[in-house]
Amino acid sequence: MVDANVLMGGGIAVAGLVAGIGLVSFAENMGERSKDRGGGLSADMATRITGGLMEDVEVDSVSDLSSLTDKLEAALMETGGANEKQLAMSEEDKKRIADEADDGW
């Protein structure tokens, strides 16, 4: 039943599986070692690439939301699109937003 061809085929299949796992492991280790040395992609660049390649995934590229908000408010005031009074939030608004964001978890 089991002849030489079946044994050779099984041996080739096992060798291919081992080689594939070894190559994946080698590539992962090289990536980790590159990150440890300071090379490779930064987190921001990886996020941009991911966002460009994956259409169905929402990617947030803003790492510091408060600085972005400050920049947007400054640009609005500079162009005359809004004044400081319009952009100011009352304590009641801040509490309402915090309550809406709290989902109970």
PDB file of N, CA and C in Angstrom:
ATOM      1  N   MET A   1       0.805  -1.193   0.000  1.00  0.00           N
ATOM      2  CA  MET A   1       0.000   0.000   0.000  1.00  0.00           C
ATOM      3  C   MET A   1       0.853   1.264   0.000  1.00  0.00           C
ATOM      4  N   VAL A   2       1.796   1.324   0.899  1.00  0.00           N
ATOM      5  CA  VAL A   2       2.661   2.502   0.974  1.00  0.00           C
ATOM      6  C   VAL A   2       3.938   2.165   0.217  1.00  0.00           C
ATOM      7  N   ASP A   3       4.075   2.794  -0.921  1.00  0.00           N
ATOM      8  CA  ASP A   3       5.275   2.532  -1.695  1.00  0.00           C
ATOM      9  C   ASP A   3       6.239   3.722  -1.590  1.00  0.00           C
ATOM     10  N   ALA A   4       7.279   3.679  -2.323  1.00  0.00           N
ATOM     11  CA  ALA A   4       8.331   4.701  -2.243  1.00  0.00           C
ATOM     12  C   ALA A   4       7.830   6.070  -2.680  1.00  0.00           C
ATOM     13  N   ASN A   5       6.945   6.118  -3.675  1.00  0.00           N
ATOM     14  CA  ASN A   5       6.430   7.411  -4.153  1.00  0.00           C
ATOM     15  C   ASN A   5       5.587   8.125  -3.092  1.00  0.00           C
ATOM     16  N   VAL A   6       4.778   7.362  -2.372  1.00  0.00           N
ATOM     17  CA  VAL A   6       3.960   7.956  -1.301  1.00  0.00           C
ATOM     18  C   VAL A   6       4.864   8.478  -0.194  1.00  0.00           C
ATOM     19  N   LEU A   7       5.879   7.726   0.164  1.00  0.00           N
ATOM     20  CA  LEU A   7       6.814   8.174   1.203  1.00  0.00           C
ATOM     21  C   LEU A   7       7.571   9.419   0.773  1.00  0.00           C
ATOM     22  N   MET A   8       8.003   9.459  -0.491  1.00  0.00           N
ATOM     23  CA  MET A   8       8.700  10.656  -0.983  1.00  0.00           C
ATOM     24  C   MET A   8       7.766  11.863  -1.016  1.00  0.00           C
ATOM     25  N   GLY A   9       6.545  11.649  -1.436  1.00  0.00           N
ATOM     26  CA  GLY A   9       5.565  12.745  -1.457  1.00  0.00           C
ATOM     27  C   GLY A   9       5.294  13.276  -0.061  1.00  0.00           C
ATOM     28  N   GLY A  10       5.131  12.362   0.906  1.00  0.00           N
ATOM     29  CA  GLY A  10       4.920  12.792   2.297  1.00  0.00           C
ATOM     30  C   GLY A  10       6.126  13.527   2.847  1.00  0.00           C
ATOM     31  N   GLY A  11       7.319  13.033   2.528  1.00  0.00           N
ATOM     32  CA  GLY A  11       8.543  13.698   2.989  1.00  0.00           C
ATOM     33  C   GLY A  11       8.684  15.091   2.398  1.00  0.00           C
ATOM     34  N   ILE A  12       8.347  15.228   1.120  1.00  0.00           N
ATOM     35  CA  ILE A  12       8.412  16.547   0.479  1.00  0.00           C
ATOM     36  C   ILE A  12       7.380  17.487   1.087  1.00  0.00           C
ATOM     37  N   ALA A  13       6.194  16.973   1.388  1.00  0.00           N
ATOM     38  CA  ALA A  13       5.155  17.810   2.009  1.00  0.00           C
ATOM     39  C   ALA A  13       5.594  18.301   3.386  1.00  0.00           C
ATOM     40  N   VAL A  14       6.147  17.406   4.187  1.00  0.00           N
ATOM     41  CA  VAL A  14       6.619  17.784   5.526  1.00  0.00           C
ATOM     42  C   VAL A  14       7.780  18.770   5.423  1.00  0.00           C
ATOM     43  N   ALA A  15       8.708  18.532   4.491  1.00  0.00           N
ATOM     44  CA  ALA A  15       9.838  19.440   4.315  1.00  0.00           C
ATOM     45  C   ALA A  15       9.360  20.828   3.863  1.00  0.00           C
ATOM     46  N   GLY A  16       8.371  20.862   2.990  1.00  0.00           N
ATOM     47  CA  GLY A  16       7.811  22.145   2.544  1.00  0.00           C
ATOM     48  C   GLY A  16       7.132  22.892   3.673  1.00  0.00           C
ATOM     49  N   LEU A  17       6.407  22.178   4.502  1.00  0.00           N
ATOM     50  CA  LEU A  17       5.747  22.796   5.653  1.00  0.00           C
ATOM     51  C   LEU A  17       6.772  23.372   6.631  1.00  0.00           C
ATOM     52  N   VAL A  18       7.790  22.597   6.934  1.00  0.00           N
ATOM     53  CA  VAL A  18       8.843  23.057   7.847  1.00  0.00           C
ATOM     54  C   VAL A  18       9.575  24.270   7.264  1.00  0.00           C
ATOM     55  N   ALA A  19       9.868  24.226   5.967  1.00  0.00           N
ATOM     56  CA  ALA A  19      10.552  25.358   5.328  1.00  0.00           C
ATOM     57  C   ALA A  19       9.681  26.604   5.351  1.00  0.00           C
ATOM     58  N   GLY A  20       8.390  26.455   5.107  1.00  0.00           N
ATOM     59  CA  GLY A  20       7.478  27.603   5.136  1.00  0.00           C
ATOM     60  C   GLY A  20       7.389  28.227   6.514  1.00  0.00           C
ATOM     61  N   ILE A  21       7.247  27.407   7.529  1.00  0.00           N
ATOM     62  CA  ILE A  21       7.193  27.916   8.908  1.00  0.00           C
ATOM     63  C   ILE A  21       8.515  28.578   9.271  1.00  0.00           C
ATOM     64  N   GLY A  22       9.620  27.983   8.850  1.00  0.00           N
ATOM     65  CA  GLY A  22      10.934  28.567   9.132  1.00  0.00           C
ATOM     66  C   GLY A  22      11.111  29.923   8.471  1.00  0.00           C
ATOM     67  N   LEU A  23      10.658  30.072   7.229  1.00  0.00           N
ATOM     68  CA  LEU A  23      10.780  31.360   6.536  1.00  0.00           C
ATOM     69  C   LEU A  23       9.926  32.434   7.201  1.00  0.00           C
ATOM     70  N   VAL A  24       8.719  32.083   7.607  1.00  0.00           N
ATOM     71  CA  VAL A  24       7.858  33.052   8.300  1.00  0.00           C
ATOM     72  C   VAL A  24       8.489  33.475   9.618  1.00  0.00           C
ATOM     73  N   SER A  25       8.999  32.512  10.363  1.00  0.00           N
ATOM     74  CA  SER A  25       9.650  32.807  11.639  1.00  0.00           C
ATOM     75  C   SER A  25      10.875  33.703  11.434  1.00  0.00           C
ATOM     76  N   PHE A  26      11.672  33.395  10.405  1.00  0.00           N
ATOM     77  CA  PHE A  26      12.858  34.191  10.105  1.00  0.00           C
ATOM     78  C   PHE A  26      12.475  35.631   9.758  1.00  0.00           C
ATOM     79  N   ALA A  27      11.448  35.807   8.927  1.00  0.00           N
ATOM     80  CA  ALA A  27      11.022  37.156   8.532  1.00  0.00           C
ATOM     81  C   ALA A  27      10.497  37.944   9.733  1.00  0.00           C
ATOM     82  N   GLU A  28       9.732  37.295  10.597  1.00  0.00           N
ATOM     83  CA  GLU A  28       9.224  37.965  11.801  1.00  0.00           C
ATOM     84  C   GLU A  28      10.372  38.409  12.703  1.00  0.00           C
ATOM     85  N   ASN A  29      11.332  37.523  12.918  1.00  0.00           N
ATOM     86  CA  ASN A  29      12.474  37.867  13.774  1.00  0.00           C
ATOM     87  C   ASN A  29      13.286  39.011  13.186  1.00  0.00           C
ATOM     88  N   MET A  30      13.449  39.033  11.879  1.00  0.00           N
ATOM     89  CA  MET A  30      14.208  40.120  11.247  1.00  0.00           C
ATOM     90  C   MET A  30      13.472  41.447  11.423  1.00  0.00           C
ATOM     91  N   GLY A  31      12.153  41.434  11.333  1.00  0.00           N
ATOM     92  CA  GLY A  31      11.372  42.649  11.550  1.00  0.00           C
ATOM     93  C   GLY A  31      11.494  43.159  12.973  1.00  0.00           C
ATOM     94  N   GLU A  32      11.426  42.249  13.929  1.00  0.00           N
ATOM     95  CA  GLU A  32      11.555  42.638  15.329  1.00  0.00           C
ATOM     96  C   GLU A  32      12.951  43.174  15.629  1.00  0.00           C
ATOM     97  N   ARG A  33      13.965  42.529  15.087  1.00  0.00           N
ATOM     98  CA  ARG A  33      15.333  43.002  15.309  1.00  0.00           C
ATOM     99  C   ARG A  33      15.549  44.366  14.664  1.00  0.00           C
ATOM    100  N   SER A  34      14.923  44.596  13.542  1.00  0.00           N
ATOM    101  CA  SER A  34      15.031  45.896  12.880  1.00  0.00           C
ATOM    102  C   SER A  34      14.384  46.984  13.736  1.00  0.00           C
ATOM    103  N   LYS A  35      13.227  46.677  14.327  1.00  0.00           N
ATOM    104  CA  LYS A  35      12.576  47.641  15.214  1.00  0.00           C
ATOM    105  C   LYS A  35      13.427  47.932  16.443  1.00  0.00           C
ATOM    106  N   ASP A  36      14.060  46.903  16.981  1.00  0.00           N
ATOM    107  CA  ASP A  36      14.921  47.079  18.151  1.00  0.00           C
ATOM    108  C   ASP A  36      16.108  47.979  17.851  1.00  0.00           C
ATOM    109  N   ARG A  37      16.617  47.892  16.639  1.00  0.00           N
ATOM    110  CA  ARG A  37      17.749  48.745  16.243  1.00  0.00           C
ATOM    111  C   ARG A  37      17.314  50.161  15.913  1.00  0.00           C
ATOM    112  N   GLY A  38      16.030  50.394  15.811  1.00  0.00           N
ATOM    113  CA  GLY A  38      15.542  51.734  15.491  1.00  0.00           C
ATOM    114  C   GLY A  38      15.217  51.915  14.025  1.00  0.00           C
ATOM    115  N   GLY A  39      15.359  50.897  13.246  1.00  0.00           N
ATOM    116  CA  GLY A  39      15.040  50.984  11.832  1.00  0.00           C
ATOM    117  C   GLY A  39      13.598  50.617  11.583  1.00  0.00           C
ATOM    118  N   GLY A  40      13.263  50.447  10.349  1.00  0.00           N
ATOM    119  CA  GLY A  40      11.911  50.038  10.012  1.00  0.00           C
ATOM    120  C   GLY A  40      10.973  51.222   9.935  1.00  0.00           C
ATOM    121  N   LEU A  41       9.705  50.925   9.957  1.00  0.00           N
ATOM    122  CA  LEU A  41       8.676  51.949   9.829  1.00  0.00           C
ATOM    123  C   LEU A  41       8.288  52.492  11.198  1.00  0.00           C
ATOM    124  N   SER A  42       8.049  53.786  11.238  1.00  0.00           N
ATOM    125  CA  SER A  42       7.510  54.366  12.465  1.00  0.00           C
ATOM    126  C   SER A  42       6.038  53.972  12.570  1.00  0.00           C
ATOM    127  N   ALA A  43       5.474  54.152  13.736  1.00  0.00           N
ATOM    128  CA  ALA A  43       4.067  53.789  13.939  1.00  0.00           C
ATOM    129  C   ALA A  43       3.168  54.633  13.047  1.00  0.00           C
ATOM    130  N   ASP A  44       3.509  55.913  12.872  1.00  0.00           N
ATOM    131  CA  ASP A  44       2.711  56.798  12.038  1.00  0.00           C
ATOM    132  C   ASP A  44       2.763  56.363  10.573  1.00  0.00           C
ATOM    133  N   MET A  45       3.942  56.005  10.097  1.00  0.00           N
ATOM    134  CA  MET A  45       4.080  55.566   8.708  1.00  0.00           C
ATOM    135  C   MET A  45       3.353  54.248   8.487  1.00  0.00           C
ATOM    136  N   ALA A  46       3.429  53.338   9.437  1.00  0.00           N
ATOM    137  CA  ALA A  46       2.712  52.067   9.314  1.00  0.00           C
ATOM    138  C   ALA A  46       1.210  52.310   9.260  1.00  0.00           C
ATOM    139  N   THR A  47       0.717  53.274  10.043  1.00  0.00           N
ATOM    140  CA  THR A  47      -0.700  53.602  10.026  1.00  0.00           C
ATOM    141  C   THR A  47      -1.108  54.175   8.681  1.00  0.00           C
ATOM    142  N   ARG A  48      -0.284  55.043   8.123  1.00  0.00           N
ATOM    143  CA  ARG A  48      -0.594  55.617   6.807  1.00  0.00           C
ATOM    144  C   ARG A  48      -0.625  54.545   5.719  1.00  0.00           C
ATOM    145  N   ILE A  49       0.327  53.650   5.748  1.00  0.00           N
ATOM    146  CA  ILE A  49       0.370  52.588   4.747  1.00  0.00           C
ATOM    147  C   ILE A  49      -0.848  51.681   4.902  1.00  0.00           C
ATOM    148  N   THR A  50      -1.178  51.343   6.131  1.00  0.00           N
ATOM    149  CA  THR A  50      -2.348  50.503   6.378  1.00  0.00           C
ATOM    150  C   THR A  50      -3.606  51.173   5.869  1.00  0.00           C
ATOM    151  N   GLY A  51      -3.747  52.466   6.135  1.00  0.00           N
ATOM    152  CA  GLY A  51      -4.918  53.207   5.669  1.00  0.00           C
ATOM    153  C   GLY A  51      -5.001  53.266   4.157  1.00  0.00           C
ATOM    154  N   GLY A  52      -3.861  53.346   3.498  1.00  0.00           N
ATOM    155  CA  GLY A  52      -3.862  53.402   2.050  1.00  0.00           C
ATOM    156  C   GLY A  52      -4.162  52.071   1.394  1.00  0.00           C
ATOM    157  N   LEU A  53      -3.792  50.982   2.033  1.00  0.00           N
ATOM    158  CA  LEU A  53      -3.953  49.672   1.428  1.00  0.00           C
ATOM    159  C   LEU A  53      -5.261  48.974   1.790  1.00  0.00           C
ATOM    160  N   MET A  54      -5.858  49.366   2.900  1.00  0.00           N
ATOM    161  CA  MET A  54      -7.072  48.694   3.357  1.00  0.00           C
ATOM    162  C   MET A  54      -8.230  49.670   3.289  1.00  0.00           C
ATOM    163  N   GLU A  55      -9.116  49.450   2.329  1.00  0.00           N
ATOM    164  CA  GLU A  55     -10.211  50.374   2.105  1.00  0.00           C
ATOM    165  C   GLU A  55     -11.331  50.233   3.127  1.00  0.00           C
ATOM    166  N   ASP A  56     -11.505  49.057   3.683  1.00  0.00           N
ATOM    167  CA  ASP A  56     -12.641  48.816   4.561  1.00  0.00           C
ATOM    168  C   ASP A  56     -12.315  48.993   6.041  1.00  0.00           C
ATOM    169  N   VAL A  57     -11.136  49.524   6.362  1.00  0.00           N
ATOM    170  CA  VAL A  57     -10.743  49.711   7.747  1.00  0.00           C
ATOM    171  C   VAL A  57     -10.522  51.195   7.997  1.00  0.00           C
ATOM    172  N   GLU A  58     -11.152  51.705   9.036  1.00  0.00           N
ATOM    173  CA  GLU A  58     -10.945  53.103   9.385  1.00  0.00           C
ATOM    174  C   GLU A  58      -9.667  53.216  10.203  1.00  0.00           C
ATOM    175  N   VAL A  59      -8.761  54.080   9.758  1.00  0.00           N
ATOM    176  CA  VAL A  59      -7.471  54.221  10.409  1.00  0.00           C
ATOM    177  C   VAL A  59      -7.372  55.641  10.952  1.00  0.00           C
ATOM    178  N   ASP A  60      -7.060  55.758  12.220  1.00  0.00           N
ATOM    179  CA  ASP A  60      -6.905  57.059  12.860  1.00  0.00           C
ATOM    180  C   ASP A  60      -5.435  57.427  12.831  1.00  0.00           C
ATOM    181  N   SER A  61      -5.097  58.489  12.103  1.00  0.00           N
ATOM    182  CA  SER A  61      -3.698  58.888  11.998  1.00  0.00           C
ATOM    183  C   SER A  61      -3.360  60.033  12.944  1.00  0.00           C
ATOM    184  N   VAL A  62      -4.317  60.456  13.758  1.00  0.00           N
ATOM    185  CA  VAL A  62      -4.075  61.540  14.697  1.00  0.00           C
ATOM    186  C   VAL A  62      -3.617  60.939  16.010  1.00  0.00           C
ATOM    187  N   SER A  63      -2.383  61.251  16.396  1.00  0.00           N
ATOM    188  CA  SER A  63      -1.873  60.674  17.632  1.00  0.00           C
ATOM    189  C   SER A  63      -2.195  61.552  18.837  1.00  0.00           C
ATOM    190  N   ASP A  64      -2.278  62.863  18.619  1.00  0.00           N
ATOM    191  CA  ASP A  64      -2.566  63.779  19.710  1.00  0.00           C
ATOM    192  C   ASP A  64      -3.739  64.656  19.302  1.00  0.00           C
ATOM    193  N   LEU A  65      -4.934  64.273  19.732  1.00  0.00           N
ATOM    194  CA  LEU A  65      -6.146  64.946  19.299  1.00  0.00           C
ATOM    195  C   LEU A  65      -6.231  66.377  19.814  1.00  0.00           C
ATOM    196  N   SER A  66      -5.732  66.637  21.013  1.00  0.00           N
ATOM    197  CA  SER A  66      -5.843  67.987  21.560  1.00  0.00           C
ATOM    198  C   SER A  66      -5.002  68.981  20.765  1.00  0.00           C
ATOM    199  N   SER A  67      -3.817  68.576  20.309  1.00  0.00           N
ATOM    200  CA  SER A  67      -3.006  69.504  19.520  1.00  0.00           C
ATOM    201  C   SER A  67      -3.652  69.761  18.167  1.00  0.00           C
ATOM    202  N   LEU A  68      -4.281  68.746  17.584  1.00  0.00           N
ATOM    203  CA  LEU A  68      -4.983  68.943  16.322  1.00  0.00           C
ATOM    204  C   LEU A  68      -6.154  69.900  16.509  1.00  0.00           C
ATOM    205  N   THR A  69      -6.895  69.721  17.594  1.00  0.00           N
ATOM    206  CA  THR A  69      -8.018  70.607  17.874  1.00  0.00           C
ATOM    207  C   THR A  69      -7.541  72.038  18.069  1.00  0.00           C
ATOM    208  N   ASP A  70      -6.448  72.214  18.796  1.00  0.00           N
ATOM    209  CA  ASP A  70      -5.908  73.564  18.995  1.00  0.00           C
ATOM    210  C   ASP A  70      -5.497  74.197  17.672  1.00  0.00           C
ATOM    211  N   LYS A  71      -4.887  73.425  16.792  1.00  0.00           N
ATOM    212  CA  LYS A  71      -4.475  73.948  15.486  1.00  0.00           C
ATOM    213  C   LYS A  71      -5.685  74.336  14.640  1.00  0.00           C
ATOM    214  N   LEU A  72      -6.724  73.503  14.670  1.00  0.00           N
ATOM    215  CA  LEU A  72      -7.923  73.811  13.904  1.00  0.00           C
ATOM    216  C   LEU A  72      -8.626  75.059  14.435  1.00  0.00           C
ATOM    217  N   GLU A  73      -8.697  75.197  15.753  1.00  0.00           N
ATOM    218  CA  GLU A  73      -9.303  76.393  16.338  1.00  0.00           C
ATOM    219  C   GLU A  73      -8.501  77.638  15.993  1.00  0.00           C
ATOM    220  N   ALA A  74      -7.182  77.546  16.047  1.00  0.00           N
ATOM    221  CA  ALA A  74      -6.343  78.687  15.695  1.00  0.00           C
ATOM    222  C   ALA A  74      -6.534  79.074  14.233  1.00  0.00           C
ATOM    223  N   ALA A  75      -6.647  78.099  13.355  1.00  0.00           N
ATOM    224  CA  ALA A  75      -6.855  78.387  11.935  1.00  0.00           C
ATOM    225  C   ALA A  75      -8.217  79.039  11.710  1.00  0.00           C
ATOM    226  N   LEU A  76      -9.244  78.575  12.420  1.00  0.00           N
ATOM    227  CA  LEU A  76     -10.568  79.188  12.293  1.00  0.00           C
ATOM    228  C   LEU A  76     -10.552  80.640  12.752  1.00  0.00           C
ATOM    229  N   MET A  77      -9.906  80.912  13.869  1.00  0.00           N
ATOM    230  CA  MET A  77      -9.847  82.291  14.372  1.00  0.00           C
ATOM    231  C   MET A  77      -9.012  83.168  13.443  1.00  0.00           C
ATOM    232  N   GLU A  78      -7.953  82.609  12.884  1.00  0.00           N
ATOM    233  CA  GLU A  78      -7.072  83.384  12.000  1.00  0.00           C
ATOM    234  C   GLU A  78      -7.790  83.784  10.719  1.00  0.00           C
ATOM    235  N   THR A  79      -8.597  82.894  10.185  1.00  0.00           N
ATOM    236  CA  THR A  79      -9.297  83.189   8.935  1.00  0.00           C
ATOM    237  C   THR A  79     -10.584  83.959   9.158  1.00  0.00           C
ATOM    238  N   GLY A  80     -11.006  84.113  10.395  1.00  0.00           N
ATOM    239  CA  GLY A  80     -12.226  84.838  10.679  1.00  0.00           C
ATOM    240  C   GLY A  80     -13.464  83.965  10.606  1.00  0.00           C
ATOM    241  N   GLY A  81     -13.295  82.663  10.514  1.00  0.00           N
ATOM    242  CA  GLY A  81     -14.428  81.751  10.437  1.00  0.00           C
ATOM    243  C   GLY A  81     -15.135  81.590  11.763  1.00  0.00           C
ATOM    244  N   ALA A  82     -14.470  81.914  12.852  1.00  0.00           N
ATOM    245  CA  ALA A  82     -15.074  81.807  14.182  1.00  0.00           C
ATOM    246  C   ALA A  82     -14.294  82.705  15.134  1.00  0.00           C
ATOM    247  N   ASN A  83     -14.951  83.091  16.203  1.00  0.00           N
ATOM    248  CA  ASN A  83     -14.241  83.853  17.231  1.00  0.00           C
ATOM    249  C   ASN A  83     -14.109  82.984  18.477  1.00  0.00           C
ATOM    250  N   GLU A  84     -13.363  83.493  19.442  1.00  0.00           N
ATOM    251  CA  GLU A  84     -13.065  82.690  20.633  1.00  0.00           C
ATOM    252  C   GLU A  84     -14.326  82.367  21.425  1.00  0.00           C
ATOM    253  N   LYS A  85     -15.294  83.267  21.408  1.00  0.00           N
ATOM    254  CA  LYS A  85     -16.534  83.041  22.146  1.00  0.00           C
ATOM    255  C   LYS A  85     -17.314  81.859  21.547  1.00  0.00           C
ATOM    256  N   GLN A  86     -17.300  81.738  20.215  1.00  0.00           N
ATOM    257  CA  GLN A  86     -18.017  80.638  19.573  1.00  0.00           C
ATOM    258  C   GLN A  86     -17.355  79.292  19.844  1.00  0.00           C
ATOM    259  N   LEU A  87     -16.039  79.292  20.002  1.00  0.00           N
ATOM    260  CA  LEU A  87     -15.320  78.042  20.188  1.00  0.00           C
ATOM    261  C   LEU A  87     -15.254  77.608  21.646  1.00  0.00           C
ATOM    262  N   ALA A  88     -15.562  78.493  22.566  1.00  0.00           N
ATOM    263  CA  ALA A  88     -15.495  78.162  23.993  1.00  0.00           C
ATOM    264  C   ALA A  88     -16.637  77.209  24.361  1.00  0.00           C
ATOM    265  N   MET A  89     -16.320  76.214  25.204  1.00  0.00           N
ATOM    266  CA  MET A  89     -17.329  75.259  25.657  1.00  0.00           C
ATOM    267  C   MET A  89     -17.644  75.516  27.124  1.00  0.00           C
ATOM    268  N   SER A  90     -18.908  75.490  27.437  1.00  0.00           N
ATOM    269  CA  SER A  90     -19.310  75.664  28.825  1.00  0.00           C
ATOM    270  C   SER A  90     -19.099  74.354  29.573  1.00  0.00           C
ATOM    271  N   GLU A  91     -19.109  74.448  30.877  1.00  0.00           N
ATOM    272  CA  GLU A  91     -18.953  73.247  31.702  1.00  0.00           C
ATOM    273  C   GLU A  91     -20.114  72.278  31.462  1.00  0.00           C
ATOM    274  N   GLU A  92     -21.290  72.841  31.199  1.00  0.00           N
ATOM    275  CA  GLU A  92     -22.460  72.010  30.928  1.00  0.00           C
ATOM    276  C   GLU A  92     -22.259  71.195  29.638  1.00  0.00           C
ATOM    277  N   ASP A  93     -21.685  71.837  28.603  1.00  0.00           N
ATOM    278  CA  ASP A  93     -21.407  71.127  27.343  1.00  0.00           C
ATOM    279  C   ASP A  93     -20.365  70.035  27.555  1.00  0.00           C
ATOM    280  N   LYS A  94     -19.336  70.342  28.329  1.00  0.00           N
ATOM    281  CA  LYS A  94     -18.303  69.342  28.593  1.00  0.00           C
ATOM    282  C   LYS A  94     -18.875  68.135  29.330  1.00  0.00           C
ATOM    283  N   LYS A  95     -19.769  68.395  30.312  1.00  0.00           N
ATOM    284  CA  LYS A  95     -20.385  67.306  31.063  1.00  0.00           C
ATOM    285  C   LYS A  95     -21.305  66.483  30.170  1.00  0.00           C
ATOM    286  N   ARG A  96     -22.055  67.154  29.292  1.00  0.00           N
ATOM    287  CA  ARG A  96     -22.953  66.445  28.382  1.00  0.00           C
ATOM    288  C   ARG A  96     -22.168  65.536  27.434  1.00  0.00           C
ATOM    289  N   ILE A  97     -21.056  66.041  26.910  1.00  0.00           N
ATOM    290  CA  ILE A  97     -20.225  65.237  25.996  1.00  0.00           C
ATOM    291  C   ILE A  97     -19.626  64.050  26.731  1.00  0.00           C
ATOM    292  N   ALA A  98     -19.163  64.277  27.968  1.00  0.00           N
ATOM    293  CA  ALA A  98     -18.605  63.172  28.746  1.00  0.00           C
ATOM    294  C   ALA A  98     -19.666  62.121  29.038  1.00  0.00           C
ATOM    295  N   ASP A  99     -20.892  62.553  29.331  1.00  0.00           N
ATOM    296  CA  ASP A  99     -21.977  61.596  29.590  1.00  0.00           C
ATOM    297  C   ASP A  99     -22.324  60.806  28.326  1.00  0.00           C
ATOM    298  N   GLU A 100     -22.314  61.468  27.171  1.00  0.00           N
ATOM    299  CA  GLU A 100     -22.616  60.771  25.921  1.00  0.00           C
ATOM    300  C   GLU A 100     -21.522  59.770  25.572  1.00  0.00           C
ATOM    301  N   ALA A 101     -20.276  60.105  25.893  1.00  0.00           N
ATOM    302  CA  ALA A 101     -19.153  59.215  25.576  1.00  0.00           C
ATOM    303  C   ALA A 101     -19.097  58.017  26.509  1.00  0.00           C
ATOM    304  N   ASP A 102     -19.662  58.134  27.706  1.00  0.00           N
ATOM    305  CA  ASP A 102     -19.641  57.044  28.677  1.00  0.00           C
ATOM    306  C   ASP A 102     -20.668  56.000  28.268  1.00  0.00           C
ATOM    307  N   ASP A 103     -20.194  54.827  27.872  1.00  0.00           N
ATOM    308  CA  ASP A 103     -21.100  53.777  27.419  1.00  0.00           C
ATOM    309  C   ASP A 103     -21.361  52.721  28.491  1.00  0.00           C
ATOM    310  N   GLY A 104     -20.905  52.965  29.703  1.00  0.00           N
ATOM    311  CA  GLY A 104     -21.178  52.046  30.791  1.00  0.00           C
ATOM    312  C   GLY A 104     -20.142  50.949  30.990  1.00  0.00           C
ATOM    313  N   TRP A 105     -19.144  50.911  30.175  1.00  0.00           N
ATOM    314  CA  TRP A 105     -18.124  49.877  30.312  1.00  0.00           C
ATOM    315  C   TRP A 105     -17.122  50.382  31.263  1.00  0.00           C
TER     316      TRP A 105
END
